[in-house]
Amino acid sequence: MTNPRTLAELRQVYSQPFFDLIQQGRFTHLQHWDHDSVQLCTLLSIKTGGCSEDCGYCAQSAHYSAGIASEKLMPTSEILAAAKQAQANGASRFCMGAAWRGVREGEAKFESVLETVREVSKLGMEVCVTLGQLTEQAARELKEAGLTAYNHNIDTSPEYYPKVVTTHSFQDRLHTIEHVQQAGISLCCGGIIGMGETEQDRLKMLEVLANFDPAPESVPINCLSPISGTPMAEQPPLDVFELVRLIATTRITLPKARVRLSAGRTRLSREAQALCFFAGANSIFYGNKLLTAKNPETDEDLHLLKELDLSPEQT
């Protein structure tokens, strides 16, 4: 089946025998990508904590007591230094996240982010930000500043979304995605699994992603990292074979998108990560911290790639 887009088609792909599925994911990957190259991305929290949203998985929400203090927006000089270090460590993409509900043109914090994007883009790296909801004008200004991609995950299915967050709607997410794509910015959009959602929810999430036009340039697949103090703190660990099935189905569905292993990799064994790469993942977040969550050490990641005869993607 070529590029499944309906829920029935996605289920048909996902429900194949496990080894048939991951072999198809591997074959699709080899058709569209350098087989031994993995993109290294570094994610920096440029404004941590104090967010007004109530996302049930997030330690940065002001609604919960997860031990994350609210901090001010980092100055451009500090962010630029971190970007240069990430580039020196081998990252080809630099991602910046701010714990905000959203931003609008003309705001001082947004003007500061625009200046940061201009400076980081001069390094020759891909530049991605996640700032919450955007207006059409704010998206255009980010594009003019040199932004490569905007991350705005849909997290889960439209039906399960109200159980994850109540301070904004699934449709609000889609509005920002529309503004990003209309501005000509590449879309980075994926989800989180292990939040209590069903297999059906995961496939419905993928159905939404498959029907964006244009398709997302990259699709982060996050595994929930349960954090004490948040409503999802007691969620059980994800079955790794469910993750691998979703990775392979995503690769088959969106063959030209980078499929990124994102949050939760510290809970995956080396063997589990190897299965994910085989099934079609070709990007990771690289660095010992993702916003406020732990991530494998850089040396550990480089050693794993070497053991698997994989190499960092070159800019």
C-alpha atoms as a PDB file:
ATOM      1  CA  MET A   1       0.000   0.000   0.000  1.00  0.00           C
ATOM      2  CA  THR A   2       1.353   3.421  -0.955  1.00  0.00           C
ATOM      3  CA  ASN A   3       1.054   6.286   1.517  1.00  0.00           C
ATOM      4  CA  PRO A   4      -1.969   5.155   3.586  1.00  0.00           C
ATOM      5  CA  ARG A   5      -4.136   8.090   4.650  1.00  0.00           C
ATOM      6  CA  THR A   6      -7.427   6.720   5.944  1.00  0.00           C
ATOM      7  CA  LEU A   7      -7.891   5.130   9.338  1.00  0.00           C
ATOM      8  CA  ALA A   8      -8.757   1.785   7.718  1.00  0.00           C
ATOM      9  CA  GLU A   9      -5.600   1.873   5.596  1.00  0.00           C
ATOM     10  CA  LEU A  10      -3.450   2.824   8.566  1.00  0.00           C
ATOM     11  CA  ARG A  11      -4.886  -0.031  10.625  1.00  0.00           C
ATOM     12  CA  GLN A  12      -4.179  -2.452   7.804  1.00  0.00           C
ATOM     13  CA  VAL A  13      -0.515  -1.379   7.787  1.00  0.00           C
ATOM     14  CA  TYR A  14      -0.158  -1.264  11.576  1.00  0.00           C
ATOM     15  CA  SER A  15      -1.783  -4.683  12.116  1.00  0.00           C
ATOM     16  CA  GLN A  16       0.608  -6.631   9.890  1.00  0.00           C
ATOM     17  CA  PRO A  17       2.765  -9.316  11.508  1.00  0.00           C
ATOM     18  CA  PHE A  18       5.485  -7.488  13.437  1.00  0.00           C
ATOM     19  CA  PHE A  19       8.454  -8.501  11.297  1.00  0.00           C
ATOM     20  CA  ASP A  20       6.569  -7.850   8.054  1.00  0.00           C
ATOM     21  CA  LEU A  21       5.733  -4.369   9.322  1.00  0.00           C
ATOM     22  CA  ILE A  22       9.239  -3.357  10.367  1.00  0.00           C
ATOM     23  CA  GLN A  23      10.676  -4.824   7.173  1.00  0.00           C
ATOM     24  CA  GLN A  24       8.269  -2.664   5.159  1.00  0.00           C
ATOM     25  CA  GLY A  25       9.287   0.339   7.268  1.00  0.00           C
ATOM     26  CA  ARG A  26      12.928  -0.399   6.542  1.00  0.00           C
ATOM     27  CA  PHE A  27      12.290  -0.809   2.817  1.00  0.00           C
ATOM     28  CA  THR A  28      10.403   2.516   2.705  1.00  0.00           C
ATOM     29  CA  HIS A  29      13.230   4.222   4.556  1.00  0.00           C
ATOM     30  CA  LEU A  30      15.848   2.906   2.119  1.00  0.00           C
ATOM     31  CA  GLN A  31      13.831   4.232  -0.824  1.00  0.00           C
ATOM     32  CA  HIS A  32      13.849   7.811   0.437  1.00  0.00           C
ATOM     33  CA  TRP A  33      16.779   8.337   2.810  1.00  0.00           C
ATOM     34  CA  ASP A  34      20.488   7.711   3.253  1.00  0.00           C
ATOM     35  CA  HIS A  35      20.349   4.346   4.984  1.00  0.00           C
ATOM     36  CA  ASP A  36      23.074   4.961   7.566  1.00  0.00           C
ATOM     37  CA  SER A  37      22.519   8.645   8.415  1.00  0.00           C
ATOM     38  CA  VAL A  38      20.742   9.978  11.518  1.00  0.00           C
ATOM     39  CA  GLN A  39      19.959  13.644  12.076  1.00  0.00           C
ATOM     40  CA  LEU A  40      21.145  14.990  15.439  1.00  0.00           C
ATOM     41  CA  CYS A  41      18.957  17.750  16.899  1.00  0.00           C
ATOM     42  CA  THR A  42      19.546  19.709  20.082  1.00  0.00           C
ATOM     43  CA  LEU A  43      16.594  21.117  22.031  1.00  0.00           C
ATOM     44  CA  LEU A  44      17.011  24.028  24.432  1.00  0.00           C
ATOM     45  CA  SER A  45      14.413  25.446  26.801  1.00  0.00           C
ATOM     46  CA  ILE A  46      14.766  29.205  26.290  1.00  0.00           C
ATOM     47  CA  LYS A  47      11.916  30.047  28.674  1.00  0.00           C
ATOM     48  CA  THR A  48      11.207  27.480  31.365  1.00  0.00           C
ATOM     49  CA  GLY A  49       8.195  27.000  33.643  1.00  0.00           C
ATOM     50  CA  GLY A  50       5.165  29.058  34.570  1.00  0.00           C
ATOM     51  CA  CYS A  51       3.087  28.061  31.552  1.00  0.00           C
ATOM     52  CA  SER A  52      -0.630  28.878  31.787  1.00  0.00           C
ATOM     53  CA  GLU A  53      -1.646  25.727  29.909  1.00  0.00           C
ATOM     54  CA  ASP A  54      -2.674  22.569  31.791  1.00  0.00           C
ATOM     55  CA  CYS A  55      -1.166  19.823  29.600  1.00  0.00           C
ATOM     56  CA  GLY A  56      -1.353  16.755  31.842  1.00  0.00           C
ATOM     57  CA  TYR A  57       2.112  15.466  30.960  1.00  0.00           C
ATOM     58  CA  CYS A  58       4.050  18.713  31.404  1.00  0.00           C
ATOM     59  CA  ALA A  59       6.189  19.689  34.392  1.00  0.00           C
ATOM     60  CA  GLN A  60       6.281  23.300  33.169  1.00  0.00           C
ATOM     61  CA  SER A  61       2.569  23.927  33.709  1.00  0.00           C
ATOM     62  CA  ALA A  62       1.761  26.473  36.420  1.00  0.00           C
ATOM     63  CA  HIS A  63      -1.232  24.280  37.316  1.00  0.00           C
ATOM     64  CA  TYR A  64       0.988  21.583  38.863  1.00  0.00           C
ATOM     65  CA  SER A  65       3.699  21.324  41.512  1.00  0.00           C
ATOM     66  CA  ALA A  66       6.404  19.429  39.660  1.00  0.00           C
ATOM     67  CA  GLY A  67       9.387  21.309  41.069  1.00  0.00           C
ATOM     68  CA  ILE A  68      10.037  23.450  37.981  1.00  0.00           C
ATOM     69  CA  ALA A  69      10.545  27.116  38.778  1.00  0.00           C
ATOM     70  CA  SER A  70       9.383  29.815  36.378  1.00  0.00           C
ATOM     71  CA  GLU A  71      12.309  31.508  34.657  1.00  0.00           C
ATOM     72  CA  LYS A  72      12.709  34.487  32.359  1.00  0.00           C
ATOM     73  CA  LEU A  73      13.381  34.264  28.631  1.00  0.00           C
ATOM     74  CA  MET A  74      17.075  33.633  27.992  1.00  0.00           C
ATOM     75  CA  PRO A  75      18.947  36.466  26.243  1.00  0.00           C
ATOM     76  CA  THR A  76      20.046  35.969  22.645  1.00  0.00           C
ATOM     77  CA  SER A  77      23.732  35.867  23.598  1.00  0.00           C
ATOM     78  CA  GLU A  78      23.266  32.848  25.893  1.00  0.00           C
ATOM     79  CA  ILE A  79      21.094  30.995  23.386  1.00  0.00           C
ATOM     80  CA  LEU A  80      23.588  31.649  20.592  1.00  0.00           C
ATOM     81  CA  ALA A  81      26.418  30.257  22.727  1.00  0.00           C
ATOM     82  CA  ALA A  82      24.371  27.096  23.327  1.00  0.00           C
ATOM     83  CA  ALA A  83      23.669  26.796  19.599  1.00  0.00           C
ATOM     84  CA  LYS A  84      27.361  27.071  18.764  1.00  0.00           C
ATOM     85  CA  GLN A  85      28.157  24.364  21.322  1.00  0.00           C
ATOM     86  CA  ALA A  86      25.446  22.112  19.896  1.00  0.00           C
ATOM     87  CA  GLN A  87      26.890  22.587  16.413  1.00  0.00           C
ATOM     88  CA  ALA A  88      30.374  21.787  17.681  1.00  0.00           C
ATOM     89  CA  ASN A  89      28.971  18.578  19.194  1.00  0.00           C
ATOM     90  CA  GLY A  90      27.607  17.518  15.807  1.00  0.00           C
ATOM     91  CA  ALA A  91      23.997  18.752  15.856  1.00  0.00           C
ATOM     92  CA  SER A  92      22.665  19.973  12.513  1.00  0.00           C
ATOM     93  CA  ARG A  93      19.364  21.270  13.888  1.00  0.00           C
ATOM     94  CA  PHE A  94      18.853  23.596  16.845  1.00  0.00           C
ATOM     95  CA  CYS A  95      15.412  23.668  18.442  1.00  0.00           C
ATOM     96  CA  MET A  96      14.228  26.233  20.976  1.00  0.00           C
ATOM     97  CA  GLY A  97      11.208  25.805  23.224  1.00  0.00           C
ATOM     98  CA  ALA A  98       9.394  28.417  25.314  1.00  0.00           C
ATOM     99  CA  ALA A  99       6.772  27.583  27.942  1.00  0.00           C
ATOM    100  CA  TRP A 100       4.114  29.973  26.669  1.00  0.00           C
ATOM    101  CA  ARG A 101       0.486  29.691  25.649  1.00  0.00           C
ATOM    102  CA  GLY A 102       1.472  31.588  22.532  1.00  0.00           C
ATOM    103  CA  VAL A 103       3.039  34.747  21.121  1.00  0.00           C
ATOM    104  CA  ARG A 104       1.889  37.690  19.047  1.00  0.00           C
ATOM    105  CA  GLU A 105       3.696  40.115  16.812  1.00  0.00           C
ATOM    106  CA  GLY A 106       4.878  43.274  18.538  1.00  0.00           C
ATOM    107  CA  GLU A 107       5.393  41.696  21.966  1.00  0.00           C
ATOM    108  CA  ALA A 108       8.834  42.289  23.492  1.00  0.00           C
ATOM    109  CA  LYS A 109       9.362  38.563  24.096  1.00  0.00           C
ATOM    110  CA  PHE A 110       8.524  37.801  20.492  1.00  0.00           C
ATOM    111  CA  GLU A 111      10.896  40.468  19.198  1.00  0.00           C
ATOM    112  CA  SER A 112      13.641  38.879  21.306  1.00  0.00           C
ATOM    113  CA  VAL A 113      12.910  35.463  19.785  1.00  0.00           C
ATOM    114  CA  LEU A 114      13.039  36.947  16.276  1.00  0.00           C
ATOM    115  CA  GLU A 115      16.491  38.370  16.998  1.00  0.00           C
ATOM    116  CA  THR A 116      17.623  34.992  18.317  1.00  0.00           C
ATOM    117  CA  VAL A 117      16.342  33.207  15.200  1.00  0.00           C
ATOM    118  CA  ARG A 118      18.234  35.681  12.997  1.00  0.00           C
ATOM    119  CA  GLU A 119      21.486  35.060  14.861  1.00  0.00           C
ATOM    120  CA  VAL A 120      21.201  31.262  15.080  1.00  0.00           C
ATOM    121  CA  SER A 121      20.289  30.987  11.402  1.00  0.00           C
ATOM    122  CA  LYS A 122      23.632  32.619  10.547  1.00  0.00           C
ATOM    123  CA  LEU A 123      25.388  29.491  11.865  1.00  0.00           C
ATOM    124  CA  GLY A 124      24.086  27.460   8.950  1.00  0.00           C
ATOM    125  CA  MET A 125      22.040  25.116  11.160  1.00  0.00           C
ATOM    126  CA  GLU A 126      18.386  24.282  10.746  1.00  0.00           C
ATOM    127  CA  VAL A 127      16.464  26.455  13.210  1.00  0.00           C
ATOM    128  CA  CYS A 128      13.234  25.302  14.858  1.00  0.00           C
ATOM    129  CA  VAL A 129      11.138  26.903  17.592  1.00  0.00           C
ATOM    130  CA  THR A 130       8.069  25.937  19.585  1.00  0.00           C
ATOM    131  CA  LEU A 131       6.348  28.947  21.113  1.00  0.00           C
ATOM    132  CA  GLY A 132       2.721  27.877  21.419  1.00  0.00           C
ATOM    133  CA  GLN A 133      -0.034  29.473  19.386  1.00  0.00           C
ATOM    134  CA  LEU A 134       0.874  31.837  16.540  1.00  0.00           C
ATOM    135  CA  THR A 135      -1.005  34.464  14.579  1.00  0.00           C
ATOM    136  CA  GLU A 136      -0.658  34.619  10.802  1.00  0.00           C
ATOM    137  CA  GLN A 137       1.529  37.723  11.082  1.00  0.00           C
ATOM    138  CA  ALA A 138       3.802  36.222  13.740  1.00  0.00           C
ATOM    139  CA  ALA A 139       4.352  33.184  11.516  1.00  0.00           C
ATOM    140  CA  ARG A 140       5.304  35.412   8.580  1.00  0.00           C
ATOM    141  CA  GLU A 141       7.772  37.334  10.745  1.00  0.00           C
ATOM    142  CA  LEU A 142       9.415  34.124  11.918  1.00  0.00           C
ATOM    143  CA  LYS A 143       9.796  33.038   8.310  1.00  0.00           C
ATOM    144  CA  GLU A 144      11.399  36.376   7.391  1.00  0.00           C
ATOM    145  CA  ALA A 145      13.797  36.039  10.349  1.00  0.00           C
ATOM    146  CA  GLY A 146      15.137  32.794   8.897  1.00  0.00           C
ATOM    147  CA  LEU A 147      13.187  30.112  10.756  1.00  0.00           C
ATOM    148  CA  THR A 148      13.456  26.644   9.190  1.00  0.00           C
ATOM    149  CA  ALA A 149      10.686  24.816  11.044  1.00  0.00           C
ATOM    150  CA  TYR A 150       8.008  25.279  13.676  1.00  0.00           C
ATOM    151  CA  ASN A 151       7.164  22.523  16.152  1.00  0.00           C
ATOM    152  CA  HIS A 152       3.524  22.237  17.150  1.00  0.00           C
ATOM    153  CA  ASN A 153       2.622  18.692  18.142  1.00  0.00           C
ATOM    154  CA  ILE A 154      -0.966  17.493  18.022  1.00  0.00           C
ATOM    155  CA  ASP A 155      -0.066  15.016  20.812  1.00  0.00           C
ATOM    156  CA  THR A 156      -2.861  12.491  20.259  1.00  0.00           C
ATOM    157  CA  SER A 157      -6.203  11.954  18.517  1.00  0.00           C
ATOM    158  CA  PRO A 158      -8.820  14.722  18.387  1.00  0.00           C
ATOM    159  CA  GLU A 159     -11.069  12.560  20.578  1.00  0.00           C
ATOM    160  CA  TYR A 160      -8.521  11.956  23.345  1.00  0.00           C
ATOM    161  CA  TYR A 161      -7.079  15.464  23.291  1.00  0.00           C
ATOM    162  CA  PRO A 162      -9.548  16.964  25.842  1.00  0.00           C
ATOM    163  CA  LYS A 163      -8.288  14.372  28.364  1.00  0.00           C
ATOM    164  CA  VAL A 164      -4.744  15.696  27.907  1.00  0.00           C
ATOM    165  CA  VAL A 165      -5.354  19.454  28.045  1.00  0.00           C
ATOM    166  CA  THR A 166      -8.400  21.668  28.664  1.00  0.00           C
ATOM    167  CA  THR A 167      -6.986  25.201  28.313  1.00  0.00           C
ATOM    168  CA  HIS A 168      -6.997  25.042  24.518  1.00  0.00           C
ATOM    169  CA  SER A 169      -8.622  22.838  21.911  1.00  0.00           C
ATOM    170  CA  PHE A 170      -7.384  20.495  19.212  1.00  0.00           C
ATOM    171  CA  GLN A 171      -8.761  22.990  16.699  1.00  0.00           C
ATOM    172  CA  ASP A 172      -6.540  25.697  18.232  1.00  0.00           C
ATOM    173  CA  ARG A 173      -3.554  23.492  17.368  1.00  0.00           C
ATOM    174  CA  LEU A 174      -4.764  23.134  13.802  1.00  0.00           C
ATOM    175  CA  HIS A 175      -5.168  26.914  13.435  1.00  0.00           C
ATOM    176  CA  THR A 176      -1.517  27.515  14.354  1.00  0.00           C
ATOM    177  CA  ILE A 177      -0.384  24.720  12.028  1.00  0.00           C
ATOM    178  CA  GLU A 178      -2.347  26.392   9.222  1.00  0.00           C
ATOM    179  CA  HIS A 179      -0.639  29.739   9.928  1.00  0.00           C
ATOM    180  CA  VAL A 180       2.797  28.068   9.934  1.00  0.00           C
ATOM    181  CA  GLN A 181       2.228  26.315   6.622  1.00  0.00           C
ATOM    182  CA  GLN A 182       0.713  29.378   4.966  1.00  0.00           C
ATOM    183  CA  ALA A 183       3.887  31.288   5.896  1.00  0.00           C
ATOM    184  CA  GLY A 184       6.009  28.686   4.114  1.00  0.00           C
ATOM    185  CA  ILE A 185       7.640  27.339   7.281  1.00  0.00           C
ATOM    186  CA  SER A 186       8.303  23.602   7.479  1.00  0.00           C
ATOM    187  CA  LEU A 187       6.075  21.840   9.971  1.00  0.00           C
ATOM    188  CA  CYS A 188       7.478  19.676  12.748  1.00  0.00           C
ATOM    189  CA  CYS A 189       4.478  17.864  14.205  1.00  0.00           C
ATOM    190  CA  GLY A 190       4.040  14.591  16.034  1.00  0.00           C
ATOM    191  CA  GLY A 191       2.683  13.224  19.255  1.00  0.00           C
ATOM    192  CA  ILE A 192       3.133  11.546  22.610  1.00  0.00           C
ATOM    193  CA  ILE A 193       2.284   7.931  23.333  1.00  0.00           C
ATOM    194  CA  GLY A 194       1.829   6.260  26.694  1.00  0.00           C
ATOM    195  CA  MET A 195      -0.615   8.846  28.100  1.00  0.00           C
ATOM    196  CA  GLY A 196      -3.427   6.328  28.518  1.00  0.00           C
ATOM    197  CA  GLU A 197      -4.626   6.616  24.929  1.00  0.00           C
ATOM    198  CA  THR A 198      -5.688   3.597  22.882  1.00  0.00           C
ATOM    199  CA  GLU A 199      -4.162   2.103  19.763  1.00  0.00           C
ATOM    200  CA  GLN A 200      -7.076   3.694  17.892  1.00  0.00           C
ATOM    201  CA  ASP A 201      -6.085   7.132  19.233  1.00  0.00           C
ATOM    202  CA  ARG A 202      -2.539   6.679  17.950  1.00  0.00           C
ATOM    203  CA  LEU A 203      -3.750   5.738  14.497  1.00  0.00           C
ATOM    204  CA  LYS A 204      -6.216   8.645  14.431  1.00  0.00           C
ATOM    205  CA  MET A 205      -3.343  10.971  15.348  1.00  0.00           C
ATOM    206  CA  LEU A 206      -1.367   9.564  12.436  1.00  0.00           C
ATOM    207  CA  GLU A 207      -4.392   9.972  10.177  1.00  0.00           C
ATOM    208  CA  VAL A 208      -4.444  13.703  10.943  1.00  0.00           C
ATOM    209  CA  LEU A 209      -0.707  13.995  10.239  1.00  0.00           C
ATOM    210  CA  ALA A 210      -1.035  12.050   6.982  1.00  0.00           C
ATOM    211  CA  ASN A 211      -3.649  14.457   5.665  1.00  0.00           C
ATOM    212  CA  PHE A 212      -1.783  17.718   6.251  1.00  0.00           C
ATOM    213  CA  ASP A 213      -0.949  19.461   2.970  1.00  0.00           C
ATOM    214  CA  PRO A 214       1.973  19.718   2.738  1.00  0.00           C
ATOM    215  CA  ALA A 215       2.960  16.783   4.906  1.00  0.00           C
ATOM    216  CA  PRO A 216       5.028  17.464   8.048  1.00  0.00           C
ATOM    217  CA  GLU A 217       8.749  17.795   7.384  1.00  0.00           C
ATOM    218  CA  SER A 218       9.492  15.969  10.617  1.00  0.00           C
ATOM    219  CA  VAL A 219       7.423  13.869  13.010  1.00  0.00           C
ATOM    220  CA  PRO A 220       8.613  13.598  16.628  1.00  0.00           C
ATOM    221  CA  ILE A 221       7.413  10.459  18.387  1.00  0.00           C
ATOM    222  CA  ASN A 222       7.591  11.076  22.134  1.00  0.00           C
ATOM    223  CA  CYS A 223       7.169   8.437  24.812  1.00  0.00           C
ATOM    224  CA  LEU A 224       5.606   9.812  27.966  1.00  0.00           C
ATOM    225  CA  SER A 225       8.104  10.440  30.750  1.00  0.00           C
ATOM    226  CA  PRO A 226       5.858  10.369  33.850  1.00  0.00           C
ATOM    227  CA  ILE A 227       6.733  13.294  36.094  1.00  0.00           C
ATOM    228  CA  SER A 228       5.829  13.495  39.767  1.00  0.00           C
ATOM    229  CA  GLY A 229       3.304  16.251  40.422  1.00  0.00           C
ATOM    230  CA  THR A 230       1.578  15.982  37.046  1.00  0.00           C
ATOM    231  CA  PRO A 231      -1.737  14.164  36.409  1.00  0.00           C
ATOM    232  CA  MET A 232       0.044  11.513  34.313  1.00  0.00           C
ATOM    233  CA  ALA A 233       2.687  10.690  36.920  1.00  0.00           C
ATOM    234  CA  GLU A 234       1.371   7.155  37.450  1.00  0.00           C
ATOM    235  CA  GLN A 235       1.068   6.042  33.834  1.00  0.00           C
ATOM    236  CA  PRO A 236       2.704   2.613  33.302  1.00  0.00           C
ATOM    237  CA  PRO A 237       5.715   2.173  31.000  1.00  0.00           C
ATOM    238  CA  LEU A 238       4.986   1.866  27.294  1.00  0.00           C
ATOM    239  CA  ASP A 239       5.356  -1.524  25.601  1.00  0.00           C
ATOM    240  CA  VAL A 240       8.354  -1.014  23.329  1.00  0.00           C
ATOM    241  CA  PHE A 241       6.845  -3.125  20.541  1.00  0.00           C
ATOM    242  CA  GLU A 242       3.909  -0.706  20.386  1.00  0.00           C
ATOM    243  CA  LEU A 243       6.415   2.113  19.885  1.00  0.00           C
ATOM    244  CA  VAL A 244       8.250   0.229  17.127  1.00  0.00           C
ATOM    245  CA  ARG A 245       4.965  -0.547  15.373  1.00  0.00           C
ATOM    246  CA  LEU A 246       4.062   3.154  15.405  1.00  0.00           C
ATOM    247  CA  ILE A 247       7.515   4.162  14.154  1.00  0.00           C
ATOM    248  CA  ALA A 248       7.257   1.755  11.214  1.00  0.00           C
ATOM    249  CA  THR A 249       3.691   2.812  10.392  1.00  0.00           C
ATOM    250  CA  THR A 250       4.722   6.472  10.515  1.00  0.00           C
ATOM    251  CA  ARG A 251       7.653   5.814   8.175  1.00  0.00           C
ATOM    252  CA  ILE A 252       5.412   4.002   5.681  1.00  0.00           C
ATOM    253  CA  THR A 253       2.731   6.696   5.909  1.00  0.00           C
ATOM    254  CA  LEU A 254       5.081   9.694   5.693  1.00  0.00           C
ATOM    255  CA  PRO A 255       8.076   8.380   3.723  1.00  0.00           C
ATOM    256  CA  LYS A 256       9.694  11.783   3.170  1.00  0.00           C
ATOM    257  CA  ALA A 257       9.396  13.028   6.759  1.00  0.00           C
ATOM    258  CA  ARG A 258      12.133  12.687   9.320  1.00  0.00           C
ATOM    259  CA  VAL A 259      10.796  10.421  12.046  1.00  0.00           C
ATOM    260  CA  ARG A 260      12.356  11.606  15.281  1.00  0.00           C
ATOM    261  CA  LEU A 261      12.868   9.572  18.442  1.00  0.00           C
ATOM    262  CA  SER A 262      12.168  12.263  21.001  1.00  0.00           C
ATOM    263  CA  ALA A 263      11.289  12.310  24.708  1.00  0.00           C
ATOM    264  CA  GLY A 264      11.477   9.099  26.696  1.00  0.00           C
ATOM    265  CA  ARG A 265      14.615   7.608  25.171  1.00  0.00           C
ATOM    266  CA  THR A 266      16.203   7.194  28.606  1.00  0.00           C
ATOM    267  CA  ARG A 267      13.580   4.477  29.216  1.00  0.00           C
ATOM    268  CA  LEU A 268      14.523   2.604  26.038  1.00  0.00           C
ATOM    269  CA  SER A 269      17.273  -0.004  25.900  1.00  0.00           C
ATOM    270  CA  ARG A 270      19.952   0.147  23.219  1.00  0.00           C
ATOM    271  CA  GLU A 271      18.256  -2.798  21.542  1.00  0.00           C
ATOM    272  CA  ALA A 272      14.880  -1.025  21.547  1.00  0.00           C
ATOM    273  CA  GLN A 273      16.426   2.055  19.945  1.00  0.00           C
ATOM    274  CA  ALA A 274      18.107  -0.140  17.326  1.00  0.00           C
ATOM    275  CA  LEU A 275      14.696  -1.601  16.437  1.00  0.00           C
ATOM    276  CA  CYS A 276      13.303   1.927  16.090  1.00  0.00           C
ATOM    277  CA  PHE A 277      16.105   2.894  13.682  1.00  0.00           C
ATOM    278  CA  PHE A 278      15.530  -0.275  11.673  1.00  0.00           C
ATOM    279  CA  ALA A 279      11.791   0.449  11.508  1.00  0.00           C
ATOM    280  CA  GLY A 280      12.378   3.915  10.047  1.00  0.00           C
ATOM    281  CA  ALA A 281      13.431   6.459  12.675  1.00  0.00           C
ATOM    282  CA  ASN A 282      16.197   8.693  11.326  1.00  0.00           C
ATOM    283  CA  SER A 283      16.440  11.592  13.755  1.00  0.00           C
ATOM    284  CA  ILE A 284      17.016  11.968  17.498  1.00  0.00           C
ATOM    285  CA  PHE A 285      17.146  14.720  20.052  1.00  0.00           C
ATOM    286  CA  TYR A 286      20.787  14.873  21.053  1.00  0.00           C
ATOM    287  CA  GLY A 287      22.102  16.305  24.309  1.00  0.00           C
ATOM    288  CA  ASN A 288      21.674  15.393  27.957  1.00  0.00           C
ATOM    289  CA  LYS A 289      18.471  17.398  28.461  1.00  0.00           C
ATOM    290  CA  LEU A 290      15.157  17.913  26.626  1.00  0.00           C
ATOM    291  CA  LEU A 291      13.548  21.069  27.966  1.00  0.00           C
ATOM    292  CA  THR A 292      13.268  19.816  31.579  1.00  0.00           C
ATOM    293  CA  ALA A 293      13.510  16.034  31.012  1.00  0.00           C
ATOM    294  CA  LYS A 294      16.601  13.842  30.990  1.00  0.00           C
ATOM    295  CA  ASN A 295      18.054  12.562  27.719  1.00  0.00           C
ATOM    296  CA  PRO A 296      20.935  10.154  26.980  1.00  0.00           C
ATOM    297  CA  GLU A 297      24.419  11.669  27.215  1.00  0.00           C
ATOM    298  CA  THR A 298      25.954  12.790  23.921  1.00  0.00           C
ATOM    299  CA  ASP A 299      28.845  10.317  24.151  1.00  0.00           C
ATOM    300  CA  GLU A 300      26.364   7.527  24.817  1.00  0.00           C
ATOM    301  CA  ASP A 301      24.395   8.401  21.689  1.00  0.00           C
ATOM    302  CA  LEU A 302      27.483   8.649  19.495  1.00  0.00           C
ATOM    303  CA  HIS A 303      28.672   5.276  20.775  1.00  0.00           C
ATOM    304  CA  LEU A 304      25.304   3.681  20.029  1.00  0.00           C
ATOM    305  CA  LEU A 305      25.266   5.068  16.474  1.00  0.00           C
ATOM    306  CA  LYS A 306      28.788   3.753  15.922  1.00  0.00           C
ATOM    307  CA  GLU A 307      27.809   0.313  17.225  1.00  0.00           C
ATOM    308  CA  LEU A 308      24.925   0.280  14.735  1.00  0.00           C
ATOM    309  CA  ASP A 309      27.148   1.499  11.848  1.00  0.00           C
ATOM    310  CA  LEU A 310      25.137   4.718  11.672  1.00  0.00           C
ATOM    311  CA  SER A 311      26.584   8.206  11.353  1.00  0.00           C
ATOM    312  CA  PRO A 312      25.415  11.747  12.137  1.00  0.00           C
ATOM    313  CA  GLU A 313      23.771  13.498   9.205  1.00  0.00           C
ATOM    314  CA  GLN A 314      26.031  16.193   7.778  1.00  0.00           C
ATOM    315  CA  THR A 315      24.753  19.726   7.228  1.00  0.00           C
END
